[in-house]
Amino acid sequence: MLILRTLITGPVHGHTIAHAIERTSQEVLQVEQGSLYPALHRLEDRGWVVSYWGISENNRKAKYYKLTAAGRKQLVVETGRWRQMVKAIGRILCEGR
């Protein structure tokens, strides 16, 4: 879900995805390269993300990832599930107060 959310603003390469998640979470979440790329491949296999080769800001060849229409729909579904989970956990934690 976090990768899909990061791609909502447009295509970026993997390094940028990792930094965006870390920066937005105020460094609470750390993205390991060994986890990021397998996750991107799974998202691509599911049709939620497409990739293409391009040139990065520092003039190097980089693989860019872009959210598909199916990926946008999946992000809506996953965001809804996340909100339900947060509400349920909140009810449990606040029970008996």
Protein backbone atom coordinates (compact mmCIF):
# COMPACT_ATOMS: atom_id res chain seq x y z
CA MET A 1 0.00 0.00 0.00
CA LEU A 2 2.82 2.43 0.82
CA ILE A 3 4.50 1.88 -2.53
CA LEU A 4 1.23 2.37 -4.39
CA ARG A 5 0.57 5.56 -2.42
CA THR A 6 4.05 6.86 -3.21
CA LEU A 7 3.46 6.32 -6.93
CA ILE A 8 0.18 8.28 -6.93
CA THR A 9 2.04 11.49 -7.82
CA GLY A 10 3.73 10.01 -10.89
CA PRO A 11 6.50 7.69 -12.07
CA VAL A 12 9.66 7.44 -9.98
CA HIS A 13 12.58 5.06 -9.65
CA GLY A 14 13.05 2.65 -6.75
CA HIS A 15 15.56 4.78 -4.87
CA THR A 16 13.07 7.67 -4.83
CA ILE A 17 10.26 5.39 -3.60
CA ALA A 18 12.38 4.27 -0.65
CA HIS A 19 13.39 7.81 0.27
CA ALA A 20 9.83 9.13 -0.06
CA ILE A 21 8.50 6.50 2.35
CA GLU A 22 11.32 7.16 4.82
CA ARG A 23 10.99 10.95 4.57
CA THR A 24 7.19 10.97 4.83
CA SER A 25 7.27 8.66 7.85
CA GLN A 26 9.87 10.95 9.46
CA GLU A 27 12.38 8.09 9.31
CA VAL A 28 10.15 5.77 11.38
CA LEU A 29 9.90 3.40 8.43
CA GLN A 30 13.11 2.19 6.80
CA VAL A 31 12.90 0.61 3.35
CA GLU A 32 15.48 -2.05 2.62
CA GLN A 33 16.45 -2.48 -1.04
CA GLY A 34 16.20 -6.24 -0.54
CA SER A 35 12.51 -5.83 0.30
CA LEU A 36 11.58 -3.00 -2.06
CA TYR A 37 12.46 -4.55 -5.40
CA PRO A 38 10.76 -7.92 -4.79
CA ALA A 39 7.66 -5.97 -3.68
CA LEU A 40 7.79 -3.86 -6.85
CA HIS A 41 8.05 -7.03 -8.96
CA ARG A 42 5.00 -8.51 -7.20
CA LEU A 43 3.04 -5.31 -7.80
CA GLU A 44 4.08 -5.40 -11.44
CA ASP A 45 3.06 -9.08 -11.75
CA ARG A 46 -0.39 -8.16 -10.40
CA GLY A 47 -0.75 -5.37 -12.95
CA TRP A 48 -0.82 -2.60 -10.37
CA VAL A 49 2.49 -1.09 -11.48
CA VAL A 50 4.35 -0.91 -14.79
CA SER A 51 8.05 -0.23 -15.23
CA TYR A 52 10.23 1.27 -17.92
CA TRP A 53 13.85 2.34 -18.29
CA GLY A 54 14.69 6.03 -18.22
CA ILE A 55 17.43 8.47 -17.25
CA SER A 56 17.63 9.64 -13.63
CA GLU A 57 18.32 13.18 -12.39
CA ASN A 58 22.03 12.37 -12.22
CA ASN A 59 22.09 11.14 -15.84
CA ARG A 60 22.14 7.43 -15.04
CA LYS A 61 19.97 4.68 -16.44
CA ALA A 62 17.22 3.84 -13.94
CA LYS A 63 14.08 1.74 -13.88
CA TYR A 64 10.98 3.84 -13.28
CA TYR A 65 7.73 2.57 -11.83
CA LYS A 66 4.29 3.92 -12.64
CA LEU A 67 0.92 3.25 -11.03
CA THR A 68 -1.68 1.70 -13.37
CA ALA A 69 -5.45 2.24 -13.30
CA ALA A 70 -5.76 -1.16 -11.61
CA GLY A 71 -3.15 -0.03 -9.09
CA ARG A 72 -5.17 3.08 -8.29
CA LYS A 73 -8.24 0.93 -7.67
CA GLN A 74 -6.22 -1.41 -5.47
CA LEU A 75 -4.89 1.54 -3.48
CA VAL A 76 -8.49 2.61 -2.74
CA VAL A 77 -9.34 -0.93 -1.60
CA GLU A 78 -6.24 -1.25 0.59
CA THR A 79 -6.69 2.21 2.09
CA GLY A 80 -10.25 1.29 3.06
CA ARG A 81 -9.06 -1.93 4.69
CA TRP A 82 -6.35 -0.04 6.55
CA ARG A 83 -8.86 2.49 7.91
CA GLN A 84 -11.11 -0.34 9.12
CA MET A 85 -8.14 -1.99 10.82
CA VAL A 86 -7.10 1.25 12.54
CA LYS A 87 -10.67 1.80 13.82
CA ALA A 88 -10.89 -1.77 15.12
CA ILE A 89 -7.55 -1.53 16.91
CA GLY A 90 -8.55 1.85 18.35
CA ARG A 91 -11.75 0.37 19.76
CA ILE A 92 -9.80 -2.46 21.39
CA LEU A 93 -7.14 -0.18 22.85
CA CYS A 94 -9.73 2.25 24.22
CA GLU A 95 -12.05 -0.43 25.60
CA GLY A 96 -12.64 -0.08 29.33
CA ARG A 97 -11.43 3.49 29.65
